[in-house]
């Protein structure tokens, strides 16, 4: 059996990974311009983030946190990471529904950034394909 020190460390590592994942979902669009594989990964992350927030599914990172917290002898929190930590620490008097709506809105704003980039790319390709004829 592993020591409680190790278990606490694993709990903290999963918590940090979870926070990093949420930050990636929130601001990942800033690092994806011109990088197709990162764009695809971030788009999938956004879809996953929306699905987890509004659907009945649990995030695997939340489940991992629960598992390691129980294993370390800590009481796991109930609900989602976002509602627990953001609601508890940052916005303690805001309803969980409002926090969920804001989380989905942030993901939708990221999707709008990608839609704008795609529209710009289509316009650029159209201009390159059909250049304007200059009259002398």
Protein backbone atom coordinates (compact mmCIF):
# COMPACT_ATOMS: atom_id res chain seq x y z
CA UNK A 1 0.00 0.00 0.00
CA UNK A 2 1.25 3.50 -0.81
CA UNK A 3 1.94 6.19 1.75
CA UNK A 4 -0.53 9.02 2.47
CA UNK A 5 2.15 11.52 1.34
CA UNK A 6 2.20 9.90 -2.11
CA UNK A 7 -1.60 9.84 -2.27
CA UNK A 8 -1.82 13.55 -1.37
CA UNK A 9 0.72 14.30 -4.09
CA UNK A 10 -1.30 12.38 -6.67
CA UNK A 11 -4.46 14.25 -5.61
CA UNK A 12 -2.69 17.58 -6.09
CA UNK A 13 -1.22 16.51 -9.45
CA UNK A 14 -4.64 15.48 -10.77
CA UNK A 15 -6.10 18.75 -9.47
CA UNK A 16 -3.38 20.76 -11.26
CA UNK A 17 -3.90 18.72 -14.44
CA UNK A 18 -7.64 19.40 -14.22
CA UNK A 19 -7.06 23.13 -13.79
CA UNK A 20 -4.63 23.12 -16.74
CA UNK A 21 -7.24 21.31 -18.86
CA UNK A 22 -9.89 23.91 -18.02
CA UNK A 23 -7.47 26.74 -18.85
CA UNK A 24 -6.71 24.99 -22.16
CA UNK A 25 -10.42 24.84 -22.95
CA UNK A 26 -10.93 28.50 -22.00
CA UNK A 27 -7.95 30.12 -23.75
CA UNK A 28 -6.57 27.46 -26.07
CA UNK A 29 -7.75 29.31 -29.19
CA UNK A 30 -4.97 31.85 -28.64
CA UNK A 31 -2.32 29.16 -29.26
CA UNK A 32 -3.91 27.31 -32.15
CA UNK A 33 -3.72 29.80 -35.02
CA UNK A 34 -1.92 28.17 -37.92
CA UNK A 35 -1.53 24.86 -36.11
CA UNK A 36 -4.06 22.42 -37.52
CA UNK A 37 -3.45 19.59 -35.06
CA UNK A 38 -3.78 21.95 -32.08
CA UNK A 39 -6.90 23.48 -33.61
CA UNK A 40 -8.48 20.06 -34.03
CA UNK A 41 -7.54 19.08 -30.49
CA UNK A 42 -8.90 22.34 -29.07
CA UNK A 43 -12.16 22.04 -31.03
CA UNK A 44 -12.61 18.53 -29.64
CA UNK A 45 -11.80 19.89 -26.17
CA UNK A 46 -14.47 22.58 -26.53
CA UNK A 47 -17.10 20.08 -27.63
CA UNK A 48 -16.13 17.82 -24.74
CA UNK A 49 -16.27 20.75 -22.29
CA UNK A 50 -19.75 21.72 -23.42
CA UNK A 51 -20.96 18.11 -23.34
CA UNK A 52 -19.65 17.54 -19.81
CA UNK A 53 -21.11 20.80 -18.52
CA UNK A 54 -24.61 20.34 -19.92
CA UNK A 55 -24.81 16.55 -20.19
CA UNK A 56 -25.15 13.79 -17.63
CA UNK A 57 -21.54 12.63 -18.03
CA UNK A 58 -18.79 13.02 -15.51
CA UNK A 59 -15.40 14.30 -16.52
CA UNK A 60 -12.72 11.59 -16.27
CA UNK A 61 -10.47 14.03 -14.42
CA UNK A 62 -13.20 14.64 -11.82
CA UNK A 63 -13.60 10.89 -11.43
CA UNK A 64 -9.82 10.54 -11.04
CA UNK A 65 -9.82 13.28 -8.38
CA UNK A 66 -12.62 11.52 -6.49
CA UNK A 67 -10.79 8.20 -6.65
CA UNK A 68 -7.48 9.58 -5.41
CA UNK A 69 -9.12 11.74 -2.74
CA UNK A 70 -10.94 8.70 -1.35
CA UNK A 71 -7.74 6.66 -1.56
CA UNK A 72 -5.89 9.40 0.37
CA UNK A 73 -8.59 9.43 3.06
CA UNK A 74 -10.05 12.77 1.96
CA UNK A 75 -13.71 13.47 1.38
CA UNK A 76 -14.30 14.00 -2.36
CA UNK A 77 -16.46 16.92 -3.43
CA UNK A 78 -19.81 16.48 -5.14
CA UNK A 79 -20.55 17.76 -8.61
CA UNK A 80 -18.22 19.18 -11.19
CA UNK A 81 -14.76 20.68 -10.75
CA UNK A 82 -16.00 23.98 -12.17
CA UNK A 83 -18.92 24.28 -9.80
CA UNK A 84 -16.93 23.15 -6.80
CA UNK A 85 -13.75 25.20 -7.10
CA UNK A 86 -14.87 28.21 -9.11
CA UNK A 87 -18.15 28.42 -7.23
CA UNK A 88 -16.55 27.91 -3.84
CA UNK A 89 -13.45 30.06 -4.23
CA UNK A 90 -14.10 32.68 -6.89
CA UNK A 91 -17.88 33.18 -6.98
CA UNK A 92 -19.33 31.74 -3.76
CA UNK A 93 -22.68 33.52 -4.08
CA UNK A 94 -23.39 32.66 -7.73
CA UNK A 95 -25.70 29.79 -8.61
CA UNK A 96 -24.34 26.63 -10.18
CA UNK A 97 -26.64 27.11 -13.16
CA UNK A 98 -25.17 30.55 -13.88
CA UNK A 99 -21.61 29.19 -13.63
CA UNK A 100 -22.53 26.38 -16.04
CA UNK A 101 -24.08 28.87 -18.47
CA UNK A 102 -20.94 31.03 -18.28
CA UNK A 103 -18.72 28.00 -18.90
CA UNK A 104 -20.73 27.03 -21.96
CA UNK A 105 -20.69 30.67 -23.14
CA UNK A 106 -16.89 30.76 -22.92
CA UNK A 107 -16.71 27.58 -25.01
CA UNK A 108 -19.18 29.08 -27.51
CA UNK A 109 -17.04 32.24 -27.72
CA UNK A 110 -14.04 30.05 -28.58
CA UNK A 111 -16.10 28.33 -31.27
CA UNK A 112 -17.00 31.78 -32.63
CA UNK A 113 -13.28 32.59 -32.89
CA UNK A 114 -12.82 29.46 -34.99
CA UNK A 115 -15.84 30.33 -37.15
CA UNK A 116 -14.37 33.80 -37.74
CA UNK A 117 -10.98 32.30 -38.67
CA UNK A 118 -12.67 29.88 -41.08
CA UNK A 119 -14.67 32.71 -42.67
CA UNK A 120 -11.48 34.78 -43.10
CA UNK A 121 -9.71 31.81 -44.69
CA UNK A 122 -12.62 31.23 -47.10
CA UNK A 123 -12.58 34.91 -48.07
CA UNK A 124 -8.82 34.81 -48.63
CA UNK A 125 -9.06 31.72 -50.81
CA UNK A 126 -11.90 33.28 -52.79
CA UNK A 127 -9.81 36.42 -53.42
CA UNK A 128 -6.82 34.29 -54.43
CA UNK A 129 -8.95 32.19 -56.76
CA UNK A 130 -10.79 35.08 -58.36
CA UNK A 131 -8.48 38.10 -58.32
CA UNK A 132 -9.95 41.46 -59.27
CA UNK A 133 -9.05 42.59 -62.73
CA UNK A 134 -7.26 45.92 -62.72
CA UNK A 135 -8.30 48.35 -65.41
CA UNK A 136 -5.51 50.45 -66.95
